[in-house]
């Protein structure tokens, strides 16, 4: 009984967190984007943000992609009827099947950027180290961290959205590998998602 009460309390807290940024940046439903997937009532979409218009809608005057960072918006809708625990792991997968881990949003504060997004070489796997500096860089803006997907618990019927960041160049045929969704009560893992990164 105590466990159920704790899940309910955490669900209320999570619902408040999910809604904290609505009204300022509010993408459409997951199913409104190409390449969305649905498994066991959970619907997820992943959208690469590579245009100036996309960047302006999410990050204001900062365009991460022009600095060598690919933002990928992830939208999760929980229609499973159960609370979900999110311990998400994501990888960017290019058309040649090279994999890159996401970069923590907090690390981008010190990223100095590159002239063009890097391409992945034939031996690239996990991950490309970021150039580090004691000086804060051009991506030192609150939107980078505030827009990151940080929700850890989703009540039934709720949705969440936010960005993952990769030091990568977008190419058609790229994918986002996403895992780490669990039933909050039982701890059961849900199957991973391979999401095509398509431009709407």
Protein backbone atom coordinates (compact mmCIF):
# COMPACT_ATOMS: atom_id res chain seq x y z
CA UNK A 1 0.00 0.00 0.00
CA UNK A 2 2.84 2.38 0.85
CA UNK A 3 4.44 1.65 -2.51
CA UNK A 4 1.22 2.51 -4.36
CA UNK A 5 0.89 5.75 -2.39
CA UNK A 6 4.48 6.66 -3.22
CA UNK A 7 3.90 6.06 -6.93
CA UNK A 8 0.78 8.25 -6.85
CA UNK A 9 2.70 11.03 -5.07
CA UNK A 10 5.58 10.80 -7.52
CA UNK A 11 3.11 10.75 -10.40
CA UNK A 12 1.61 14.06 -9.26
CA UNK A 13 5.10 15.56 -8.98
CA UNK A 14 6.01 14.22 -12.42
CA UNK A 15 2.83 15.65 -13.94
CA UNK A 16 3.77 19.07 -12.61
CA UNK A 17 7.26 18.70 -14.09
CA UNK A 18 5.89 17.62 -17.46
CA UNK A 19 3.77 20.78 -17.66
CA UNK A 20 6.44 23.24 -16.48
CA UNK A 21 7.46 24.37 -19.97
CA UNK A 22 4.11 24.23 -21.77
CA UNK A 23 2.93 27.52 -23.19
CA UNK A 24 6.49 28.54 -24.06
CA UNK A 25 7.55 25.61 -26.23
CA UNK A 26 4.85 23.09 -27.08
CA UNK A 27 5.36 20.61 -29.93
CA UNK A 28 2.54 18.59 -31.44
CA UNK A 29 1.47 15.10 -30.45
CA UNK A 30 3.89 12.25 -31.16
CA UNK A 31 1.63 10.80 -33.85
CA UNK A 32 1.66 14.10 -35.77
CA UNK A 33 5.31 13.54 -36.73
CA UNK A 34 6.63 11.14 -39.38
CA UNK A 35 8.30 7.99 -38.12
CA UNK A 36 6.52 7.81 -34.75
CA UNK A 37 6.21 4.37 -33.16
CA UNK A 38 3.74 2.80 -30.75
CA UNK A 39 4.36 -0.20 -28.47
CA UNK A 40 2.15 -1.45 -25.65
CA UNK A 41 0.27 1.85 -25.58
CA UNK A 42 3.43 4.01 -25.49
CA UNK A 43 3.82 6.37 -28.45
CA UNK A 44 7.18 8.02 -29.17
CA UNK A 45 8.46 10.33 -31.90
CA UNK A 46 11.95 11.73 -32.48
CA UNK A 47 12.52 14.87 -34.55
CA UNK A 48 15.91 16.32 -35.59
CA UNK A 49 16.13 20.11 -35.16
CA UNK A 50 18.38 21.30 -37.98
CA UNK A 51 16.72 24.42 -39.43
CA UNK A 52 16.92 28.01 -38.23
CA UNK A 53 13.14 28.07 -37.79
CA UNK A 54 13.19 24.99 -35.57
CA UNK A 55 16.05 26.39 -33.49
CA UNK A 56 14.27 29.72 -33.00
CA UNK A 57 11.10 27.98 -31.78
CA UNK A 58 12.97 25.99 -29.13
CA UNK A 59 16.16 27.88 -28.29
CA UNK A 60 15.56 31.50 -29.24
CA UNK A 61 18.63 33.16 -30.71
CA UNK A 62 20.87 30.11 -30.30
CA UNK A 63 21.10 27.52 -33.07
CA UNK A 64 22.91 24.44 -31.67
CA UNK A 65 23.13 22.74 -35.07
CA UNK A 66 25.17 25.63 -36.50
CA UNK A 67 27.62 25.00 -33.62
CA UNK A 68 27.99 21.29 -34.35
CA UNK A 69 25.35 19.95 -31.96
CA UNK A 70 22.31 18.08 -33.28
CA UNK A 71 19.27 18.49 -30.99
CA UNK A 72 16.73 15.67 -31.24
CA UNK A 73 13.28 16.34 -29.81
CA UNK A 74 11.70 13.26 -28.21
CA UNK A 75 7.96 13.16 -27.45
CA UNK A 76 6.62 10.36 -25.24
CA UNK A 77 2.91 9.70 -24.68
CA UNK A 78 1.99 7.21 -21.97
CA UNK A 79 -1.13 5.34 -23.02
CA UNK A 80 -0.06 2.15 -21.26
CA UNK A 81 -2.46 2.63 -18.35
CA UNK A 82 0.48 2.38 -15.93
CA UNK A 83 2.98 4.81 -14.45
CA UNK A 84 6.30 4.74 -16.31
CA UNK A 85 9.77 5.18 -14.86
CA UNK A 86 12.15 6.81 -17.32
CA UNK A 87 15.85 6.01 -17.14
CA UNK A 88 16.39 6.82 -20.77
CA UNK A 89 19.43 5.84 -22.80
CA UNK A 90 19.72 7.27 -26.29
CA UNK A 91 22.10 6.86 -29.19
CA UNK A 92 22.26 8.60 -32.54
CA UNK A 93 22.75 6.03 -35.31
CA UNK A 94 23.83 7.25 -38.74
CA UNK A 95 23.01 5.45 -42.03
CA UNK A 96 26.37 3.61 -41.82
CA UNK A 97 25.39 2.21 -38.41
CA UNK A 98 27.85 4.30 -36.39
CA UNK A 99 26.56 5.01 -32.86
CA UNK A 100 26.97 8.10 -30.68
CA UNK A 101 25.81 8.59 -27.10
CA UNK A 102 23.88 11.71 -26.15
CA UNK A 103 25.79 14.55 -24.51
CA UNK A 104 24.47 15.74 -21.11
CA UNK A 105 22.90 19.17 -21.56
CA UNK A 106 24.95 20.55 -18.67
CA UNK A 107 28.19 19.74 -20.52
CA UNK A 108 27.22 21.96 -23.44
CA UNK A 109 27.74 25.10 -21.34
CA UNK A 110 31.49 24.83 -22.04
CA UNK A 111 31.26 23.58 -25.62
CA UNK A 112 33.00 26.01 -27.96
CA UNK A 113 31.43 24.75 -31.18
CA UNK A 114 32.75 23.88 -34.61
CA UNK A 115 32.34 25.50 -38.01
CA UNK A 116 30.22 22.62 -39.30
CA UNK A 117 28.71 19.52 -37.67
CA UNK A 118 31.24 16.65 -37.76
CA UNK A 119 30.67 13.51 -39.77
CA UNK A 120 31.32 10.10 -38.28
CA UNK A 121 34.35 8.19 -39.54
CA UNK A 122 34.42 4.46 -40.26
CA UNK A 123 35.84 3.60 -36.82
CA UNK A 124 33.65 5.92 -34.77
CA UNK A 125 31.61 4.29 -32.02
CA UNK A 126 31.01 5.70 -28.51
CA UNK A 127 31.34 8.65 -27.86
CA UNK A 128 33.31 11.54 -29.46
CA UNK A 129 34.85 13.58 -26.60
CA UNK A 130 33.78 17.20 -26.52
CA UNK A 131 36.35 19.99 -26.68
CA UNK A 132 36.39 21.36 -23.12
CA UNK A 133 37.32 24.79 -21.89
CA UNK A 134 37.09 26.73 -18.66
CA UNK A 135 35.38 29.44 -20.68
CA UNK A 136 31.64 29.19 -21.19
CA UNK A 137 30.71 28.82 -24.84
CA UNK A 138 27.99 29.99 -27.24
CA UNK A 139 25.56 27.29 -26.05
CA UNK A 140 25.62 28.66 -22.51
CA UNK A 141 21.92 29.52 -22.54
CA UNK A 142 19.16 28.40 -20.16
CA UNK A 143 17.08 26.93 -22.98
CA UNK A 144 19.64 24.20 -23.68
CA UNK A 145 19.25 22.72 -20.19
CA UNK A 146 15.61 23.65 -19.65
CA UNK A 147 14.52 22.00 -22.90
CA UNK A 148 16.36 18.71 -22.18
CA UNK A 149 14.13 15.71 -21.45
CA UNK A 150 14.52 15.25 -17.70
CA UNK A 151 11.23 13.73 -16.53
CA UNK A 152 11.83 10.54 -14.52
CA UNK A 153 8.24 9.40 -13.87
CA UNK A 154 5.18 9.62 -16.12
CA UNK A 155 1.64 9.05 -14.82
CA UNK A 156 -0.82 7.15 -17.04
CA UNK A 157 -2.27 9.32 -19.77
CA UNK A 158 0.45 11.97 -19.54
CA UNK A 159 2.99 13.07 -22.13
CA UNK A 160 6.51 14.46 -21.88
CA UNK A 161 8.91 16.01 -24.34
CA UNK A 162 12.41 17.36 -24.44
CA UNK A 163 15.73 17.24 -26.26
CA UNK A 164 18.74 14.97 -26.41
CA UNK A 165 21.94 16.43 -27.87
CA UNK A 166 24.52 14.78 -30.13
CA UNK A 167 27.77 15.96 -31.68
CA UNK A 168 26.71 14.71 -35.08
CA UNK A 169 25.74 15.70 -38.60
CA UNK A 170 22.21 14.82 -39.68
CA UNK A 171 21.81 12.63 -42.76
CA UNK A 172 18.58 11.14 -44.13
CA UNK A 173 18.28 7.58 -42.89
CA UNK A 174 19.63 8.39 -39.42
CA UNK A 175 17.93 6.80 -36.41
CA UNK A 176 17.52 7.37 -32.68
CA UNK A 177 17.88 4.30 -30.46
CA UNK A 178 15.96 4.77 -27.20
CA UNK A 179 15.68 2.41 -24.23
CA UNK A 180 15.13 2.63 -20.48
CA UNK A 181 11.33 2.73 -20.12
CA UNK A 182 10.03 0.66 -17.21
CA UNK A 183 6.76 -0.12 -15.47
CA UNK A 184 7.09 1.99 -12.30
CA UNK A 185 5.33 -0.57 -10.11
CA UNK A 186 6.82 -3.85 -11.34
CA UNK A 187 10.13 -2.66 -12.78
CA UNK A 188 9.40 -4.48 -16.06
CA UNK A 189 11.43 -3.16 -19.00
CA UNK A 190 9.62 -2.13 -22.15
CA UNK A 191 11.12 -3.00 -25.51
CA UNK A 192 13.53 -0.45 -26.99
CA UNK A 193 12.55 1.92 -29.81
CA UNK A 194 14.42 2.44 -33.08
CA UNK A 195 13.04 5.78 -34.25
CA UNK A 196 13.70 7.13 -37.74
CA UNK A 197 14.84 10.75 -37.69
CA UNK A 198 12.69 12.32 -40.37
CA UNK A 199 12.09 15.95 -41.22
CA UNK A 200 8.43 16.94 -40.94
